[in-house]
N, C-alpha and C. Protein backbone atom coordinates (compact mmCIF):
# COMPACT_ATOMS: atom_id res chain seq x y z
N MET A 1 -13.46 9.59 2.47
CA MET A 1 -13.67 8.23 1.59
C MET A 1 -13.23 7.60 2.71
N THR A 2 -14.05 6.35 3.17
CA THR A 2 -13.69 5.65 4.61
C THR A 2 -12.97 4.44 3.38
N ILE A 3 -12.74 3.26 4.77
CA ILE A 3 -11.75 2.31 3.74
C ILE A 3 -12.49 1.39 2.92
N LYS A 4 -13.83 1.22 3.78
CA LYS A 4 -14.95 0.34 2.67
C LYS A 4 -15.62 0.91 1.74
N GLU A 5 -15.96 2.15 1.72
CA GLU A 5 -15.83 3.02 0.63
C GLU A 5 -14.61 3.06 -0.81
N ALA A 6 -14.16 2.32 -0.07
CA ALA A 6 -13.23 2.70 -0.74
C ALA A 6 -13.06 1.46 -1.92
N GLN A 7 -12.69 0.25 -0.99
CA GLN A 7 -12.90 -1.43 -1.41
C GLN A 7 -14.51 -1.17 -2.16
N GLN A 8 -15.42 -0.48 -1.90
CA GLN A 8 -16.39 -0.66 -2.91
C GLN A 8 -16.27 -0.37 -4.33
N LEU A 9 -15.42 1.07 -4.13
CA LEU A 9 -15.44 1.89 -5.21
C LEU A 9 -14.54 1.09 -6.14
N VAL A 10 -13.48 0.34 -5.39
CA VAL A 10 -12.63 -0.44 -6.20
C VAL A 10 -13.26 -1.95 -7.04
N ASP A 11 -14.02 -2.33 -6.42
CA ASP A 11 -14.69 -3.79 -6.33
C ASP A 11 -15.45 -3.06 -8.50
N GLN A 12 -16.29 -1.86 -7.62
CA GLN A 12 -17.27 -1.21 -8.81
C GLN A 12 -16.33 -0.73 -10.04
N TRP A 13 -15.47 -0.35 -10.55
CA TRP A 13 -14.50 -0.22 -10.93
C TRP A 13 -14.22 -1.07 -11.45
N ILE A 14 -13.59 -2.11 -10.92
CA ILE A 14 -13.00 -3.74 -11.52
C ILE A 14 -14.34 -4.24 -12.20
N ASN A 15 -14.95 -4.56 -11.94
CA ASN A 15 -16.15 -5.22 -12.65
C ASN A 15 -16.64 -4.30 -13.86
N THR A 16 -16.48 -3.43 -13.65
CA THR A 16 -17.36 -2.00 -14.86
C THR A 16 -15.79 -1.74 -16.06
N THR A 17 -14.88 -1.06 -15.82
CA THR A 17 -14.00 -0.67 -16.04
C THR A 17 -13.11 -1.90 -17.01
N GLY A 18 -12.55 -2.38 -15.59
CA GLY A 18 -11.73 -3.30 -15.47
C GLY A 18 -12.11 -4.76 -15.43
N ILE A 19 -13.36 -4.88 -16.75
CA ILE A 19 -13.47 -6.28 -16.64
C ILE A 19 -13.94 -7.57 -15.57
N ARG A 20 -12.63 -7.80 -15.05
CA ARG A 20 -12.79 -8.53 -14.09
C ARG A 20 -11.39 -8.18 -13.39
N TYR A 21 -11.15 -8.96 -12.25
CA TYR A 21 -10.16 -9.34 -10.94
C TYR A 21 -9.13 -9.83 -12.25
N PHE A 22 -7.99 -9.65 -11.83
CA PHE A 22 -6.80 -10.21 -12.08
C PHE A 22 -7.15 -11.50 -11.10
N ASN A 23 -5.71 -12.73 -11.91
CA ASN A 23 -6.24 -13.49 -10.42
C ASN A 23 -5.68 -13.22 -9.06
N GLU A 24 -5.20 -14.11 -7.95
CA GLU A 24 -4.68 -13.26 -7.24
C GLU A 24 -3.58 -13.25 -7.21
N LEU A 25 -2.54 -14.20 -7.62
CA LEU A 25 -1.41 -14.13 -8.15
C LEU A 25 -0.86 -13.78 -8.43
N THR A 26 -1.36 -12.75 -10.31
CA THR A 26 -1.36 -11.89 -11.06
C THR A 26 -1.40 -10.44 -9.76
N ASN A 27 -2.26 -10.18 -9.24
CA ASN A 27 -2.01 -9.10 -8.54
C ASN A 27 -1.26 -8.84 -7.25
N THR A 28 -0.72 -9.85 -7.14
CA THR A 28 0.56 -10.23 -6.26
C THR A 28 1.87 -9.30 -6.91
N ALA A 29 1.92 -10.42 -8.05
CA ALA A 29 3.19 -9.49 -8.44
C ALA A 29 2.50 -8.24 -9.14
N ILE A 30 1.45 -7.55 -9.53
CA ILE A 30 1.57 -6.19 -10.06
C ILE A 30 1.46 -5.46 -8.72
N LEU A 31 1.24 -6.15 -7.76
CA LEU A 31 1.91 -5.43 -6.22
C LEU A 31 3.43 -4.79 -5.17
N MET A 32 4.09 -6.21 -6.31
CA MET A 32 5.58 -5.73 -5.81
C MET A 32 6.09 -5.19 -6.73
N GLU A 33 5.45 -5.11 -8.18
CA GLU A 33 5.77 -4.16 -8.85
C GLU A 33 5.76 -2.52 -8.54
N GLU A 34 4.63 -2.96 -7.99
CA GLU A 34 4.19 -1.22 -8.03
C GLU A 34 5.13 -1.14 -6.06
N VAL A 35 5.08 -1.53 -5.26
CA VAL A 35 5.59 -1.50 -4.54
C VAL A 35 7.24 -0.79 -4.89
N GLY A 36 8.02 -1.73 -5.50
CA GLY A 36 9.46 -1.46 -5.99
C GLY A 36 9.39 0.37 -7.11
N GLU A 37 8.22 0.20 -7.52
CA GLU A 37 8.30 2.15 -8.11
C GLU A 37 8.32 2.97 -6.67
N VAL A 38 7.51 2.49 -5.96
CA VAL A 38 7.39 3.68 -4.94
C VAL A 38 9.25 3.36 -4.02
N ALA A 39 9.36 2.43 -3.62
CA ALA A 39 11.43 2.00 -3.25
C ALA A 39 12.39 3.44 -4.38
N ARG A 40 11.37 2.71 -6.05
CA ARG A 40 12.46 3.54 -6.67
C ARG A 40 12.50 5.35 -6.59
N ILE A 41 11.18 5.56 -6.08
CA ILE A 41 11.14 7.17 -6.10
C ILE A 41 11.57 7.41 -4.65
N MET A 42 11.57 6.60 -3.76
CA MET A 42 11.58 7.09 -2.23
C MET A 42 13.79 6.96 -2.16
N ALA A 43 14.45 6.05 -3.12
CA ALA A 43 15.79 5.82 -2.70
C ALA A 43 16.23 7.26 -3.64
N ARG A 44 15.72 7.88 -4.77
CA ARG A 44 16.07 9.53 -5.52
C ARG A 44 15.25 10.22 -4.81
N GLN A 45 14.25 10.74 -4.07
CA GLN A 45 13.84 11.51 -4.00
C GLN A 45 14.72 12.16 -1.79
N TYR A 46 14.46 10.26 -1.28
CA TYR A 46 15.35 10.62 -0.44
C TYR A 46 16.96 9.89 0.09
N GLY A 47 16.66 9.79 -0.66
CA GLY A 47 18.23 8.65 -0.68
C GLY A 47 19.12 9.40 -1.17
N GLU A 48 19.80 8.42 -0.95
CA GLU A 48 21.48 9.33 -1.86
C GLU A 48 21.25 8.99 -3.34
N GLN A 49 20.49 7.61 -4.27
CA GLN A 49 20.54 7.77 -5.19
C GLN A 49 20.53 9.41 -6.01
N SER A 50 21.10 9.27 -7.31
CA SER A 50 20.36 9.85 -8.52
C SER A 50 19.15 10.19 -9.57
N PHE A 51 17.81 11.06 -9.54
CA PHE A 51 17.23 10.81 -10.90
C PHE A 51 17.57 10.43 -11.93
N LYS A 52 17.50 9.78 -12.99
CA LYS A 52 17.99 9.36 -14.50
C LYS A 52 17.30 10.97 -14.86
N LYS A 53 17.40 11.06 -16.07
CA LYS A 53 16.40 11.72 -17.04
C LYS A 53 15.08 11.05 -17.74
N SER A 54 15.46 9.80 -17.62
CA SER A 54 14.28 8.64 -17.64
C SER A 54 13.30 8.97 -16.05
N ASP A 55 13.39 9.15 -15.51
CA ASP A 55 12.48 9.10 -13.52
C ASP A 55 12.26 10.68 -13.82
N THR A 56 12.07 12.23 -14.82
CA THR A 56 11.56 13.02 -14.44
C THR A 56 10.24 13.56 -14.61
N GLU A 57 9.56 12.38 -14.68
CA GLU A 57 8.14 12.39 -14.93
C GLU A 57 7.51 11.73 -13.40
N VAL A 58 8.17 11.22 -12.10
CA VAL A 58 7.74 10.44 -10.95
C VAL A 58 6.41 10.99 -10.37
N ASN A 59 6.11 10.36 -9.77
CA ASN A 59 5.45 10.80 -9.43
C ASN A 59 4.59 10.43 -7.74
N LEU A 60 4.71 10.47 -6.37
CA LEU A 60 5.04 9.89 -5.61
C LEU A 60 3.50 9.54 -5.23
N ALA A 61 2.57 10.18 -5.19
CA ALA A 61 1.61 10.32 -4.42
C ALA A 61 1.25 9.21 -5.55
N ASP A 62 1.35 8.88 -7.21
CA ASP A 62 0.44 8.46 -7.87
C ASP A 62 0.94 7.05 -7.52
N GLU A 63 2.21 6.72 -7.50
CA GLU A 63 2.36 5.29 -7.34
C GLU A 63 2.26 5.27 -5.81
N MET A 64 1.70 6.06 -5.27
CA MET A 64 1.68 5.15 -3.66
C MET A 64 -0.06 4.76 -3.61
N ALA A 65 -1.05 5.39 -4.94
CA ALA A 65 -2.27 4.89 -5.13
C ALA A 65 -2.59 4.29 -5.68
N ASP A 66 -1.60 3.49 -6.93
CA ASP A 66 -1.21 2.54 -7.25
C ASP A 66 -0.87 1.04 -6.12
N VAL A 67 -0.13 1.77 -5.46
CA VAL A 67 0.14 0.26 -3.65
C VAL A 67 -1.39 -0.48 -3.53
N LEU A 68 -2.24 0.87 -3.93
CA LEU A 68 -3.36 0.78 -2.62
C LEU A 68 -4.40 0.04 -3.28
N PHE A 69 -4.65 0.75 -4.18
CA PHE A 69 -5.40 0.34 -5.27
C PHE A 69 -5.43 -1.38 -5.22
N VAL A 70 -3.85 -1.97 -5.36
CA VAL A 70 -3.69 -3.35 -6.04
C VAL A 70 -4.31 -4.22 -4.98
N LEU A 71 -3.38 -3.88 -4.11
CA LEU A 71 -3.68 -4.20 -2.24
C LEU A 71 -5.69 -4.39 -2.17
N ILE A 72 -6.09 -3.57 -2.39
CA ILE A 72 -7.00 -3.22 -1.94
C ILE A 72 -7.66 -4.40 -3.06
N CYS A 73 -7.38 -4.02 -4.21
CA CYS A 73 -8.17 -5.38 -5.13
C CYS A 73 -8.01 -7.06 -4.14
N LEU A 74 -6.49 -7.19 -3.93
CA LEU A 74 -6.16 -8.19 -3.31
C LEU A 74 -7.36 -8.40 -2.20
N ALA A 75 -7.55 -7.71 -1.37
CA ALA A 75 -8.35 -7.78 -0.64
C ALA A 75 -9.56 -7.66 -0.43
N ASN A 76 -10.38 -7.75 -1.86
CA ASN A 76 -11.58 -8.18 -2.30
C ASN A 76 -11.65 -9.43 -2.53
N GLN A 77 -10.71 -9.75 -2.85
CA GLN A 77 -10.68 -11.23 -4.12
C GLN A 77 -10.86 -11.81 -2.74
N THR A 78 -10.12 -11.78 -1.87
CA THR A 78 -9.44 -12.71 -0.50
C THR A 78 -10.73 -12.28 0.47
N GLY A 79 -11.60 -11.85 0.44
CA GLY A 79 -13.03 -11.36 1.59
C GLY A 79 -12.41 -10.67 2.60
N ILE A 80 -11.46 -9.86 2.00
CA ILE A 80 -10.83 -9.31 3.48
C ILE A 80 -11.60 -7.59 3.32
N ASP A 81 -11.77 -7.74 4.89
CA ASP A 81 -12.67 -6.58 5.31
C ASP A 81 -11.27 -5.45 5.68
N LEU A 82 -10.68 -4.61 5.20
CA LEU A 82 -9.72 -3.84 5.33
C LEU A 82 -9.91 -3.37 6.59
N THR A 83 -10.75 -2.08 7.04
CA THR A 83 -11.55 -2.11 8.08
C THR A 83 -11.16 -2.45 9.18
N HIS A 84 -11.34 -3.86 9.19
CA HIS A 84 -11.65 -5.03 10.42
C HIS A 84 -10.37 -5.14 10.34
N ALA A 85 -9.54 -5.68 9.50
CA ALA A 85 -7.83 -6.26 9.42
C ALA A 85 -7.32 -4.96 9.97
N LEU A 86 -7.35 -3.91 9.70
CA LEU A 86 -6.77 -2.87 10.07
C LEU A 86 -6.54 -2.41 11.79
N ASN A 87 -7.72 -2.27 11.93
CA ASN A 87 -8.46 -2.08 13.59
C ASN A 87 -7.62 -3.34 14.34
N LYS A 88 -7.44 -4.06 13.75
CA LYS A 88 -7.00 -5.02 14.78
C LYS A 88 -5.87 -5.68 14.62
N ASN A 89 -5.42 -4.85 13.82
CA ASN A 89 -3.78 -4.59 13.70
C ASN A 89 -3.06 -3.94 14.49
N LEU A 90 -3.98 -2.76 14.45
CA LEU A 90 -3.42 -1.70 15.45
C LEU A 90 -3.64 -2.18 17.00
N GLU A 91 -4.49 -2.87 17.01
CA GLU A 91 -5.00 -3.32 18.38
C GLU A 91 -3.52 -4.01 18.68
N LYS A 92 -3.35 -5.10 18.00
CA LYS A 92 -2.08 -6.13 18.20
C LYS A 92 -1.01 -5.03 18.89
N LYS A 93 -0.09 -4.38 17.62
CA LYS A 93 0.28 -3.20 17.87
C LYS A 93 0.44 -2.51 19.10
N SER A 94 -0.94 -1.85 19.65
CA SER A 94 -0.84 -1.54 20.63
C SER A 94 -0.52 -2.30 21.68
N ILE A 95 -0.75 -3.71 21.87
CA ILE A 95 -0.31 -4.19 23.23
C ILE A 95 0.86 -4.95 22.79
N ARG A 96 1.24 -5.05 22.08
CA ARG A 96 2.68 -5.51 21.69
C ARG A 96 3.29 -4.12 21.75
N ASP A 97 3.44 -3.37 21.32
CA ASP A 97 4.71 -2.62 21.19
C ASP A 97 3.82 -1.53 22.53
N ALA A 98 3.28 -1.38 23.12
CA ALA A 98 2.83 -0.27 24.40
C ALA A 98 4.14 0.31 24.95
N ASP A 99 5.49 -0.45 25.27
CA ASP A 99 6.83 0.39 26.02
C ASP A 99 7.66 0.52 24.85
N ARG A 100 7.49 -0.74 23.97
CA ARG A 100 8.66 -0.76 23.44
C ARG A 100 9.02 0.07 22.56
N HIS A 101 8.92 0.78 22.49
CA HIS A 101 9.14 2.14 21.04
C HIS A 101 9.66 3.21 22.21
N ARG A 102 8.71 3.35 23.10
CA ARG A 102 9.07 4.27 24.33
C ARG A 102 10.11 4.08 25.33
N ASN A 103 10.77 3.10 25.37
CA ASN A 103 12.25 2.69 26.28
C ASN A 103 13.53 1.99 25.10
N ASN A 104 13.09 2.61 23.83
CA ASN A 104 13.89 2.64 22.79
C ASN A 104 15.12 3.27 22.91
N GLU A 105 15.96 2.96 23.04
CA GLU A 105 17.08 4.11 22.97
C GLU A 105 17.55 5.35 21.73
N LYS A 106 17.53 4.14 21.26
CA LYS A 106 17.42 4.71 19.58
C LYS A 106 16.66 5.86 19.20
N LEU A 107 15.15 5.65 19.80
CA LEU A 107 14.24 6.58 19.74
C LEU A 107 13.85 7.81 20.53
N LYS A 108 14.92 8.17 21.09
CA LYS A 108 15.05 9.38 22.13
C LYS A 108 15.60 10.55 22.11
N PRO A 109 14.76 11.61 21.32
CA PRO A 109 15.54 12.92 20.69
C PRO A 109 16.29 13.17 21.53
């Protein structure tokens, strides 16, 4: 699935099953909540925190998909073509960071 197809699929789902988009501020708050859920899993699975009994059913892939879903909702609501935005962002990073990481002593093996 392409990013464009994902944006179209989410829009179709929202306008049928979801009835309508939540407003942009609500979706921004939901995005922060979903990112927090990813952070919670990462801190426990890859960090130093331990899982609680209530964390036994966590699913990192599902939580990341939740983040992506809400981000796509926000892009659709604000008229952003994520394919174009990502390409422009990678172009910016490629110019800005052309030598930055290569010359970073902290990243050398």
